[in-house]
């Protein structure tokens, strides 16, 4: 599992910079920079997607990753010990990014 810090305050799963999901999905199959990635698991707070979550949010999260050229991508799973998802007040997943993406090219 990866330690995840999330600053996307508009995400329904964000609980004190932790994620209320057990896993997230980073998209950006052809990404060469962090801005070409996004959190595909993002859900805007207005959709009530995270409202059924009653447990404690965890810093440890499984990260499924489509960013083929990221140096942390190992068989579509993130091998980084720690990542950050950024996007502040994003209104859609496309306004988020994996701030820890590092291109292996």
PDB file of N, CA and C in Angstrom:
ATOM      1  N   UNK A   1       0.832  -1.187   0.000  1.00  0.00           N
ATOM      2  CA  UNK A   1       0.000   0.000   0.000  1.00  0.00           C
ATOM      3  C   UNK A   1       0.875   1.249   0.000  1.00  0.00           C
ATOM      4  N   UNK A   2       0.320   2.289  -0.540  1.00  0.00           N
ATOM      5  CA  UNK A   2       1.009   3.569  -0.671  1.00  0.00           C
ATOM      6  C   UNK A   2       0.417   4.568   0.320  1.00  0.00           C
ATOM      7  N   UNK A   3       1.255   5.382   0.923  1.00  0.00           N
ATOM      8  CA  UNK A   3       0.758   6.461   1.774  1.00  0.00           C
ATOM      9  C   UNK A   3       0.318   7.585   0.844  1.00  0.00           C
ATOM     10  N   UNK A   4      -0.923   8.002   0.992  1.00  0.00           N
ATOM     11  CA  UNK A   4      -1.532   8.976   0.096  1.00  0.00           C
ATOM     12  C   UNK A   4      -1.906  10.240   0.858  1.00  0.00           C
ATOM     13  N   UNK A   5      -1.441  11.368   0.365  1.00  0.00           N
ATOM     14  CA  UNK A   5      -1.884  12.677   0.835  1.00  0.00           C
ATOM     15  C   UNK A   5      -2.693  13.296  -0.282  1.00  0.00           C
ATOM     16  N   UNK A   6      -3.889  13.759   0.031  1.00  0.00           N
ATOM     17  CA  UNK A   6      -4.769  14.328  -0.983  1.00  0.00           C
ATOM     18  C   UNK A   6      -5.192  15.723  -0.575  1.00  0.00           C
ATOM     19  N   UNK A   7      -4.952  16.692  -1.457  1.00  0.00           N
ATOM     20  CA  UNK A   7      -5.379  18.053  -1.140  1.00  0.00           C
ATOM     21  C   UNK A   7      -6.586  18.476  -1.976  1.00  0.00           C
ATOM     22  N   UNK A   8      -7.302  17.512  -2.541  1.00  0.00           N
ATOM     23  CA  UNK A   8      -8.477  17.819  -3.356  1.00  0.00           C
ATOM     24  C   UNK A   8      -9.686  17.931  -2.422  1.00  0.00           C
ATOM     25  N   UNK A   9      -9.886  19.125  -1.866  1.00  0.00           N
ATOM     26  CA  UNK A   9     -10.895  19.331  -0.840  1.00  0.00           C
ATOM     27  C   UNK A   9     -12.319  19.138  -1.338  1.00  0.00           C
ATOM     28  N   UNK A  10     -12.563  19.266  -2.629  1.00  0.00           N
ATOM     29  CA  UNK A  10     -13.905  19.083  -3.179  1.00  0.00           C
ATOM     30  C   UNK A  10     -14.248  17.621  -3.441  1.00  0.00           C
ATOM     31  N   UNK A  11     -13.319  16.708  -3.189  1.00  0.00           N
ATOM     32  CA  UNK A  11     -13.598  15.294  -3.430  1.00  0.00           C
ATOM     33  C   UNK A  11     -14.415  14.725  -2.263  1.00  0.00           C
ATOM     34  N   UNK A  12     -15.440  13.966  -2.599  1.00  0.00           N
ATOM     35  CA  UNK A  12     -16.316  13.364  -1.596  1.00  0.00           C
ATOM     36  C   UNK A  12     -15.576  12.403  -0.678  1.00  0.00           C
ATOM     37  N   UNK A  13     -14.451  11.850  -1.137  1.00  0.00           N
ATOM     38  CA  UNK A  13     -13.705  10.871  -0.350  1.00  0.00           C
ATOM     39  C   UNK A  13     -12.608  11.495   0.518  1.00  0.00           C
ATOM     40  N   UNK A  14     -12.361  12.792   0.358  1.00  0.00           N
ATOM     41  CA  UNK A  14     -11.301  13.449   1.119  1.00  0.00           C
ATOM     42  C   UNK A  14     -11.741  13.663   2.555  1.00  0.00           C
ATOM     43  N   UNK A  15     -10.969  13.117   3.475  1.00  0.00           N
ATOM     44  CA  UNK A  15     -11.210  13.275   4.905  1.00  0.00           C
ATOM     45  C   UNK A  15      -9.898  13.734   5.541  1.00  0.00           C
ATOM     46  N   UNK A  16      -9.772  15.012   5.803  1.00  0.00           N
ATOM     47  CA  UNK A  16      -8.561  15.559   6.433  1.00  0.00           C
ATOM     48  C   UNK A  16      -7.290  15.181   5.686  1.00  0.00           C
ATOM     49  N   UNK A  17      -7.301  15.350   4.365  1.00  0.00           N
ATOM     50  CA  UNK A  17      -6.175  15.071   3.472  1.00  0.00           C
ATOM     51  C   UNK A  17      -5.850  13.581   3.361  1.00  0.00           C
ATOM     52  N   UNK A  18      -6.764  12.735   3.802  1.00  0.00           N
ATOM     53  CA  UNK A  18      -6.662  11.294   3.613  1.00  0.00           C
ATOM     54  C   UNK A  18      -7.810  10.875   2.703  1.00  0.00           C
ATOM     55  N   UNK A  19      -7.757   9.648   2.207  1.00  0.00           N
ATOM     56  CA  UNK A  19      -8.780   9.177   1.280  1.00  0.00           C
ATOM     57  C   UNK A  19      -9.690   8.169   1.969  1.00  0.00           C
ATOM     58  N   UNK A  20     -10.990   8.345   1.802  1.00  0.00           N
ATOM     59  CA  UNK A  20     -11.974   7.437   2.369  1.00  0.00           C
ATOM     60  C   UNK A  20     -12.175   6.177   1.555  1.00  0.00           C
ATOM     61  N   UNK A  21     -11.497   6.059   0.434  1.00  0.00           N
ATOM     62  CA  UNK A  21     -11.577   4.838  -0.383  1.00  0.00           C
ATOM     63  C   UNK A  21     -10.419   3.915   0.001  1.00  0.00           C
ATOM     64  N   UNK A  22     -10.590   2.638  -0.246  1.00  0.00           N
ATOM     65  CA  UNK A  22      -9.507   1.683  -0.002  1.00  0.00           C
ATOM     66  C   UNK A  22      -8.515   1.668  -1.158  1.00  0.00           C
ATOM     67  N   UNK A  23      -8.946   2.197  -2.308  1.00  0.00           N
ATOM     68  CA  UNK A  23      -8.060   2.259  -3.468  1.00  0.00           C
ATOM     69  C   UNK A  23      -8.434   3.457  -4.330  1.00  0.00           C
ATOM     70  N   UNK A  24      -7.482   3.924  -5.101  1.00  0.00           N
ATOM     71  CA  UNK A  24      -7.764   4.968  -6.087  1.00  0.00           C
ATOM     72  C   UNK A  24      -7.182   4.526  -7.422  1.00  0.00           C
ATOM     73  N   UNK A  25      -7.614   5.206  -8.470  1.00  0.00           N
ATOM     74  CA  UNK A  25      -7.189   4.884  -9.831  1.00  0.00           C
ATOM     75  C   UNK A  25      -6.593   6.140 -10.456  1.00  0.00           C
ATOM     76  N   UNK A  26      -5.302   6.114 -10.742  1.00  0.00           N
ATOM     77  CA  UNK A  26      -4.643   7.232 -11.414  1.00  0.00           C
ATOM     78  C   UNK A  26      -4.692   6.968 -12.908  1.00  0.00           C
ATOM     79  N   UNK A  27      -5.245   7.924 -13.651  1.00  0.00           N
ATOM     80  CA  UNK A  27      -5.360   7.818 -15.107  1.00  0.00           C
ATOM     81  C   UNK A  27      -4.286   8.667 -15.776  1.00  0.00           C
ATOM     82  N   UNK A  28      -4.057   8.386 -17.047  1.00  0.00           N
ATOM     83  CA  UNK A  28      -3.073   9.136 -17.833  1.00  0.00           C
ATOM     84  C   UNK A  28      -2.123   8.199 -18.541  1.00  0.00           C
ATOM     85  N   UNK A  29      -2.669   7.298 -19.320  1.00  0.00           N
ATOM     86  CA  UNK A  29      -1.891   6.253 -19.984  1.00  0.00           C
ATOM     87  C   UNK A  29      -0.678   6.740 -20.754  1.00  0.00           C
ATOM     88  N   UNK A  30      -0.768   7.898 -21.383  1.00  0.00           N
ATOM     89  CA  UNK A  30       0.340   8.430 -22.190  1.00  0.00           C
ATOM     90  C   UNK A  30       1.060   9.587 -21.503  1.00  0.00           C
ATOM     91  N   UNK A  31       0.820   9.772 -20.216  1.00  0.00           N
ATOM     92  CA  UNK A  31       1.353  10.919 -19.473  1.00  0.00           C
ATOM     93  C   UNK A  31       2.884  10.979 -19.507  1.00  0.00           C
ATOM     94  N   UNK A  32       3.393  12.182 -19.668  1.00  0.00           N
ATOM     95  CA  UNK A  32       4.830  12.473 -19.583  1.00  0.00           C
ATOM     96  C   UNK A  32       5.109  13.478 -18.468  1.00  0.00           C
ATOM     97  N   UNK A  33       4.053  14.110 -17.956  1.00  0.00           N
ATOM     98  CA  UNK A  33       4.161  15.093 -16.875  1.00  0.00           C
ATOM     99  C   UNK A  33       3.017  14.859 -15.887  1.00  0.00           C
ATOM    100  N   UNK A  34       3.149  15.342 -14.653  1.00  0.00           N
ATOM    101  CA  UNK A  34       2.062  15.182 -13.683  1.00  0.00           C
ATOM    102  C   UNK A  34       0.726  15.756 -14.166  1.00  0.00           C
ATOM    103  N   UNK A  35       0.776  16.859 -14.899  1.00  0.00           N
ATOM    104  CA  UNK A  35      -0.469  17.495 -15.345  1.00  0.00           C
ATOM    105  C   UNK A  35      -1.242  16.654 -16.362  1.00  0.00           C
ATOM    106  N   UNK A  36      -0.611  15.632 -16.895  1.00  0.00           N
ATOM    107  CA  UNK A  36      -1.293  14.735 -17.838  1.00  0.00           C
ATOM    108  C   UNK A  36      -1.889  13.518 -17.131  1.00  0.00           C
ATOM    109  N   UNK A  37      -1.836  13.506 -15.805  1.00  0.00           N
ATOM    110  CA  UNK A  37      -2.456  12.443 -15.009  1.00  0.00           C
ATOM    111  C   UNK A  37      -3.675  13.022 -14.297  1.00  0.00           C
ATOM    112  N   UNK A  38      -4.504  12.156 -13.747  1.00  0.00           N
ATOM    113  CA  UNK A  38      -5.613  12.610 -12.916  1.00  0.00           C
ATOM    114  C   UNK A  38      -6.072  11.464 -12.022  1.00  0.00           C
ATOM    115  N   UNK A  39      -6.794  11.805 -10.982  1.00  0.00           N
ATOM    116  CA  UNK A  39      -7.368  10.803 -10.100  1.00  0.00           C
ATOM    117  C   UNK A  39      -8.724  10.406 -10.677  1.00  0.00           C
ATOM    118  N   UNK A  40      -8.779   9.241 -11.277  1.00  0.00           N
ATOM    119  CA  UNK A  40     -10.022   8.751 -11.867  1.00  0.00           C
ATOM    120  C   UNK A  40     -11.062   8.372 -10.831  1.00  0.00           C
ATOM    121  N   UNK A  41     -10.677   8.323  -9.570  1.00  0.00           N
ATOM    122  CA  UNK A  41     -11.602   7.980  -8.489  1.00  0.00           C
ATOM    123  C   UNK A  41     -12.276   9.210  -7.891  1.00  0.00           C
ATOM    124  N   UNK A  42     -11.887  10.387  -8.371  1.00  0.00           N
ATOM    125  CA  UNK A  42     -12.467  11.636  -7.856  1.00  0.00           C
ATOM    126  C   UNK A  42     -13.984  11.625  -8.012  1.00  0.00           C
ATOM    127  N   UNK A  43     -14.648  12.080  -6.974  1.00  0.00           N
ATOM    128  CA  UNK A  43     -16.099  12.284  -7.021  1.00  0.00           C
ATOM    129  C   UNK A  43     -16.391  13.594  -6.300  1.00  0.00           C
ATOM    130  N   UNK A  44     -17.082  14.480  -6.953  1.00  0.00           N
ATOM    131  CA  UNK A  44     -17.380  15.777  -6.367  1.00  0.00           C
ATOM    132  C   UNK A  44     -18.277  15.603  -5.143  1.00  0.00           C
ATOM    133  N   UNK A  45     -18.019  16.367  -4.107  1.00  0.00           N
ATOM    134  CA  UNK A  45     -18.801  16.270  -2.869  1.00  0.00           C
ATOM    135  C   UNK A  45     -20.292  16.411  -3.113  1.00  0.00           C
ATOM    136  N   UNK A  46     -20.674  17.141  -4.131  1.00  0.00           N
ATOM    137  CA  UNK A  46     -22.098  17.357  -4.389  1.00  0.00           C
ATOM    138  C   UNK A  46     -22.826  16.089  -4.829  1.00  0.00           C
ATOM    139  N   UNK A  47     -22.086  15.045  -5.224  1.00  0.00           N
ATOM    140  CA  UNK A  47     -22.748  13.807  -5.677  1.00  0.00           C
ATOM    141  C   UNK A  47     -23.080  12.870  -4.520  1.00  0.00           C
ATOM    142  N   UNK A  48     -22.639  13.177  -3.294  1.00  0.00           N
ATOM    143  CA  UNK A  48     -22.867  12.338  -2.113  1.00  0.00           C
ATOM    144  C   UNK A  48     -22.266  10.953  -2.244  1.00  0.00           C
ATOM    145  N   UNK A  49     -21.277  10.773  -3.121  1.00  0.00           N
ATOM    146  CA  UNK A  49     -20.649   9.466  -3.329  1.00  0.00           C
ATOM    147  C   UNK A  49     -19.957   8.954  -2.079  1.00  0.00           C
ATOM    148  N   UNK A  50     -19.370   9.835  -1.305  1.00  0.00           N
ATOM    149  CA  UNK A  50     -18.643   9.407  -0.122  1.00  0.00           C
ATOM    150  C   UNK A  50     -19.474   9.476   1.140  1.00  0.00           C
ATOM    151  N   UNK A  51     -20.759   9.844   1.023  1.00  0.00           N
ATOM    152  CA  UNK A  51     -21.560  10.057   2.214  1.00  0.00           C
ATOM    153  C   UNK A  51     -21.862   8.781   2.986  1.00  0.00           C
ATOM    154  N   UNK A  52     -21.760   7.621   2.366  1.00  0.00           N
ATOM    155  CA  UNK A  52     -22.009   6.371   3.067  1.00  0.00           C
ATOM    156  C   UNK A  52     -20.782   5.868   3.800  1.00  0.00           C
ATOM    157  N   UNK A  53     -19.661   6.531   3.625  1.00  0.00           N
ATOM    158  CA  UNK A  53     -18.421   6.120   4.272  1.00  0.00           C
ATOM    159  C   UNK A  53     -18.469   6.571   5.725  1.00  0.00           C
ATOM    160  N   UNK A  54     -18.360   5.620   6.675  1.00  0.00           N
ATOM    161  CA  UNK A  54     -18.474   5.972   8.084  1.00  0.00           C
ATOM    162  C   UNK A  54     -17.203   5.699   8.868  1.00  0.00           C
ATOM    163  N   UNK A  55     -16.249   4.965   8.325  1.00  0.00           N
ATOM    164  CA  UNK A  55     -15.014   4.638   9.040  1.00  0.00           C
ATOM    165  C   UNK A  55     -14.018   5.770   8.980  1.00  0.00           C
ATOM    166  N   UNK A  56     -12.859   5.518   9.540  1.00  0.00           N
ATOM    167  CA  UNK A  56     -11.784   6.492   9.511  1.00  0.00           C
ATOM    168  C   UNK A  56     -11.072   6.429   8.159  1.00  0.00           C
ATOM    169  N   UNK A  57     -10.735   7.570   7.629  1.00  0.00           N
ATOM    170  CA  UNK A  57      -9.948   7.605   6.397  1.00  0.00           C
ATOM    171  C   UNK A  57      -8.537   7.155   6.734  1.00  0.00           C
ATOM    172  N   UNK A  58      -7.903   6.505   5.776  1.00  0.00           N
ATOM    173  CA  UNK A  58      -6.570   5.976   6.010  1.00  0.00           C
ATOM    174  C   UNK A  58      -5.569   6.662   5.094  1.00  0.00           C
ATOM    175  N   UNK A  59      -4.349   6.798   5.566  1.00  0.00           N
ATOM    176  CA  UNK A  59      -3.278   7.315   4.712  1.00  0.00           C
ATOM    177  C   UNK A  59      -2.777   6.223   3.781  1.00  0.00           C
ATOM    178  N   UNK A  60      -3.013   4.948   4.116  1.00  0.00           N
ATOM    179  CA  UNK A  60      -2.544   3.841   3.286  1.00  0.00           C
ATOM    180  C   UNK A  60      -3.641   3.433   2.307  1.00  0.00           C
ATOM    181  N   UNK A  61      -3.300   3.455   1.026  1.00  0.00           N
ATOM    182  CA  UNK A  61      -4.268   3.218  -0.031  1.00  0.00           C
ATOM    183  C   UNK A  61      -3.619   2.440  -1.166  1.00  0.00           C
ATOM    184  N   UNK A  62      -4.355   1.515  -1.751  1.00  0.00           N
ATOM    185  CA  UNK A  62      -3.881   0.861  -2.968  1.00  0.00           C
ATOM    186  C   UNK A  62      -4.073   1.836  -4.120  1.00  0.00           C
ATOM    187  N   UNK A  63      -3.047   1.998  -4.941  1.00  0.00           N
ATOM    188  CA  UNK A  63      -3.115   2.924  -6.067  1.00  0.00           C
ATOM    189  C   UNK A  63      -2.940   2.144  -7.362  1.00  0.00           C
ATOM    190  N   UNK A  64      -4.033   2.058  -8.124  1.00  0.00           N
ATOM    191  CA  UNK A  64      -3.983   1.459  -9.449  1.00  0.00           C
ATOM    192  C   UNK A  64      -3.564   2.558 -10.406  1.00  0.00           C
ATOM    193  N   UNK A  65      -2.629   2.271 -11.297  1.00  0.00           N
ATOM    194  CA  UNK A  65      -2.043   3.332 -12.109  1.00  0.00           C
ATOM    195  C   UNK A  65      -2.006   2.970 -13.592  1.00  0.00           C
ATOM    196  N   UNK A  66      -2.533   3.880 -14.409  1.00  0.00           N
ATOM    197  CA  UNK A  66      -2.522   3.730 -15.862  1.00  0.00           C
ATOM    198  C   UNK A  66      -1.360   4.477 -16.510  1.00  0.00           C
ATOM    199  N   UNK A  67      -0.623   5.276 -15.735  1.00  0.00           N
ATOM    200  CA  UNK A  67       0.465   6.094 -16.280  1.00  0.00           C
ATOM    201  C   UNK A  67       1.657   5.190 -16.597  1.00  0.00           C
ATOM    202  N   UNK A  68       1.656   4.644 -17.802  1.00  0.00           N
ATOM    203  CA  UNK A  68       2.636   3.629 -18.214  1.00  0.00           C
ATOM    204  C   UNK A  68       4.082   4.078 -18.064  1.00  0.00           C
ATOM    205  N   UNK A  69       4.360   5.362 -18.264  1.00  0.00           N
ATOM    206  CA  UNK A  69       5.731   5.854 -18.221  1.00  0.00           C
ATOM    207  C   UNK A  69       6.167   6.362 -16.858  1.00  0.00           C
ATOM    208  N   UNK A  70       5.325   6.212 -15.836  1.00  0.00           N
ATOM    209  CA  UNK A  70       5.738   6.641 -14.498  1.00  0.00           C
ATOM    210  C   UNK A  70       6.711   5.620 -13.929  1.00  0.00           C
ATOM    211  N   UNK A  71       7.776   6.106 -13.330  1.00  0.00           N
ATOM    212  CA  UNK A  71       8.797   5.198 -12.812  1.00  0.00           C
ATOM    213  C   UNK A  71       8.293   4.358 -11.638  1.00  0.00           C
ATOM    214  N   UNK A  72       7.175   4.729 -11.040  1.00  0.00           N
ATOM    215  CA  UNK A  72       6.612   3.974  -9.927  1.00  0.00           C
ATOM    216  C   UNK A  72       5.572   2.941 -10.369  1.00  0.00           C
ATOM    217  N   UNK A  73       5.233   2.929 -11.668  1.00  0.00           N
ATOM    218  CA  UNK A  73       4.218   2.002 -12.166  1.00  0.00           C
ATOM    219  C   UNK A  73       4.834   0.620 -12.356  1.00  0.00           C
ATOM    220  N   UNK A  74       4.326  -0.342 -11.594  1.00  0.00           N
ATOM    221  CA  UNK A  74       4.752  -1.732 -11.723  1.00  0.00           C
ATOM    222  C   UNK A  74       3.506  -2.582 -11.950  1.00  0.00           C
ATOM    223  N   UNK A  75       3.329  -3.015 -13.183  1.00  0.00           N
ATOM    224  CA  UNK A  75       2.151  -3.812 -13.551  1.00  0.00           C
ATOM    225  C   UNK A  75       0.855  -3.140 -13.131  1.00  0.00           C
ATOM    226  N   UNK A  76       0.753  -1.839 -13.426  1.00  0.00           N
ATOM    227  CA  UNK A  76      -0.440  -1.034 -13.181  1.00  0.00           C
ATOM    228  C   UNK A  76      -0.749  -0.807 -11.703  1.00  0.00           C
ATOM    229  N   UNK A  77       0.250  -0.973 -10.864  1.00  0.00           N
ATOM    230  CA  UNK A  77       0.130  -0.627  -9.446  1.00  0.00           C
ATOM    231  C   UNK A  77       1.259   0.329  -9.090  1.00  0.00           C
ATOM    232  N   UNK A  78       0.962   1.286  -8.240  1.00  0.00           N
ATOM    233  CA  UNK A  78       1.974   2.251  -7.823  1.00  0.00           C
ATOM    234  C   UNK A  78       2.872   1.626  -6.763  1.00  0.00           C
ATOM    235  N   UNK A  79       4.176   1.714  -6.998  1.00  0.00           N
ATOM    236  CA  UNK A  79       5.140   1.162  -6.048  1.00  0.00           C
ATOM    237  C   UNK A  79       5.764   2.233  -5.164  1.00  0.00           C
ATOM    238  N   UNK A  80       5.355   3.488  -5.336  1.00  0.00           N
ATOM    239  CA  UNK A  80       5.907   4.568  -4.510  1.00  0.00           C
ATOM    240  C   UNK A  80       5.449   4.389  -3.069  1.00  0.00           C
ATOM    241  N   UNK A  81       6.320   4.692  -2.154  1.00  0.00           N
ATOM    242  CA  UNK A  81       5.965   4.593  -0.739  1.00  0.00           C
ATOM    243  C   UNK A  81       4.981   5.685  -0.337  1.00  0.00           C
ATOM    244  N   UNK A  82       5.046   6.832  -1.044  1.00  0.00           N
ATOM    245  CA  UNK A  82       4.234   7.991  -0.680  1.00  0.00           C
ATOM    246  C   UNK A  82       3.915   8.792  -1.930  1.00  0.00           C
ATOM    247  N   UNK A  83       2.650   9.148  -2.131  1.00  0.00           N
ATOM    248  CA  UNK A  83       2.279  10.019  -3.247  1.00  0.00           C
ATOM    249  C   UNK A  83       1.341  11.112  -2.762  1.00  0.00           C
ATOM    250  N   UNK A  84       1.196  12.119  -3.609  1.00  0.00           N
ATOM    251  CA  UNK A  84       0.269  13.200  -3.334  1.00  0.00           C
ATOM    252  C   UNK A  84      -0.635  13.430  -4.526  1.00  0.00           C
ATOM    253  N   UNK A  85      -1.917  13.563  -4.260  1.00  0.00           N
ATOM    254  CA  UNK A  85      -2.878  13.934  -5.295  1.00  0.00           C
ATOM    255  C   UNK A  85      -3.200  15.398  -5.072  1.00  0.00           C
ATOM    256  N   UNK A  86      -3.049  16.200  -6.115  1.00  0.00           N
ATOM    257  CA  UNK A  86      -3.307  17.627  -5.992  1.00  0.00           C
ATOM    258  C   UNK A  86      -4.464  18.038  -6.884  1.00  0.00           C
ATOM    259  N   UNK A  87      -5.028  19.177  -6.567  1.00  0.00           N
ATOM    260  CA  UNK A  87      -6.140  19.697  -7.338  1.00  0.00           C
ATOM    261  C   UNK A  87      -7.004  20.656  -6.538  1.00  0.00           C
ATOM    262  N   UNK A  88      -6.672  20.866  -5.278  1.00  0.00           N
ATOM    263  CA  UNK A  88      -7.362  21.849  -4.446  1.00  0.00           C
ATOM    264  C   UNK A  88      -8.869  21.801  -4.541  1.00  0.00           C
ATOM    265  N   UNK A  89      -9.442  22.774  -5.212  1.00  0.00           N
ATOM    266  CA  UNK A  89     -10.896  22.895  -5.324  1.00  0.00           C
ATOM    267  C   UNK A  89     -11.392  22.398  -6.678  1.00  0.00           C
ATOM    268  N   UNK A  90     -10.849  21.292  -7.142  1.00  0.00           N
ATOM    269  CA  UNK A  90     -11.231  20.720  -8.448  1.00  0.00           C
ATOM    270  C   UNK A  90     -12.725  20.426  -8.503  1.00  0.00           C
ATOM    271  N   UNK A  91     -13.292  20.611  -9.677  1.00  0.00           N
ATOM    272  CA  UNK A  91     -14.702  20.287  -9.904  1.00  0.00           C
ATOM    273  C   UNK A  91     -14.873  19.036 -10.743  1.00  0.00           C
ATOM    274  N   UNK A  92     -13.759  18.481 -11.237  1.00  0.00           N
ATOM    275  CA  UNK A  92     -13.813  17.242 -12.017  1.00  0.00           C
ATOM    276  C   UNK A  92     -12.479  16.523 -11.867  1.00  0.00           C
ATOM    277  N   UNK A  93     -12.455  15.264 -12.242  1.00  0.00           N
ATOM    278  CA  UNK A  93     -11.209  14.496 -12.130  1.00  0.00           C
ATOM    279  C   UNK A  93     -10.103  15.097 -12.988  1.00  0.00           C
ATOM    280  N   UNK A  94     -10.453  15.701 -14.113  1.00  0.00           N
ATOM    281  CA  UNK A  94      -9.460  16.289 -15.022  1.00  0.00           C
ATOM    282  C   UNK A  94      -8.732  17.471 -14.400  1.00  0.00           C
ATOM    283  N   UNK A  95      -9.250  18.006 -13.305  1.00  0.00           N
ATOM    284  CA  UNK A  95      -8.600  19.112 -12.611  1.00  0.00           C
ATOM    285  C   UNK A  95      -7.724  18.618 -11.460  1.00  0.00           C
ATOM    286  N   UNK A  96      -7.534  17.299 -11.376  1.00  0.00           N
ATOM    287  CA  UNK A  96      -6.665  16.708 -10.358  1.00  0.00           C
ATOM    288  C   UNK A  96      -5.421  16.156 -11.042  1.00  0.00           C
ATOM    289  N   UNK A  97      -4.406  15.818 -10.264  1.00  0.00           N
ATOM    290  CA  UNK A  97      -3.221  15.176 -10.837  1.00  0.00           C
ATOM    291  C   UNK A  97      -2.444  14.442  -9.759  1.00  0.00           C
ATOM    292  N   UNK A  98      -1.671  13.471 -10.209  1.00  0.00           N
ATOM    293  CA  UNK A  98      -0.749  12.779  -9.310  1.00  0.00           C
ATOM    294  C   UNK A  98       0.512  13.626  -9.250  1.00  0.00           C
ATOM    295  N   UNK A  99       0.669  14.343  -8.164  1.00  0.00           N
ATOM    296  CA  UNK A  99       1.815  15.232  -8.010  1.00  0.00           C
ATOM    297  C   UNK A  99       3.136  14.494  -7.846  1.00  0.00           C
ATOM    298  N   UNK A 100       3.064  13.187  -7.656  1.00  0.00           N
ATOM    299  CA  UNK A 100       4.272  12.378  -7.462  1.00  0.00           C
ATOM    300  C   UNK A 100       4.745  11.674  -8.731  1.00  0.00           C
ATOM    301  N   UNK A 101       4.014  11.881  -9.825  1.00  0.00           N
ATOM    302  CA  UNK A 101       4.384  11.256 -11.101  1.00  0.00           C
ATOM    303  C   UNK A 101       5.802  11.648 -11.493  1.00  0.00           C
ATOM    304  N   UNK A 102       6.598  10.653 -11.884  1.00  0.00           N
ATOM    305  CA  UNK A 102       7.944  10.908 -12.416  1.00  0.00           C
ATOM    306  C   UNK A 102       8.106  10.065 -13.665  1.00  0.00           C
ATOM    307  N   UNK A 103       8.347  10.727 -14.786  1.00  0.00           N
ATOM    308  CA  UNK A 103       8.486  10.023 -16.048  1.00  0.00           C
ATOM    309  C   UNK A 103       9.807   9.264 -16.081  1.00  0.00           C
ATOM    310  N   UNK A 104       9.757   8.028 -16.513  1.00  0.00           N
ATOM    311  CA  UNK A 104      10.995   7.226 -16.622  1.00  0.00           C
ATOM    312  C   UNK A 104      11.696   7.445 -17.945  1.00  0.00           C
ATOM    313  N   UNK A 105      11.136   8.319 -18.800  1.00  0.00           N
ATOM    314  CA  UNK A 105      11.757   8.573 -20.103  1.00  0.00           C
ATOM    315  C   UNK A 105      12.823   9.636 -20.040  1.00  0.00           C
TER     316      UNK A 105
END
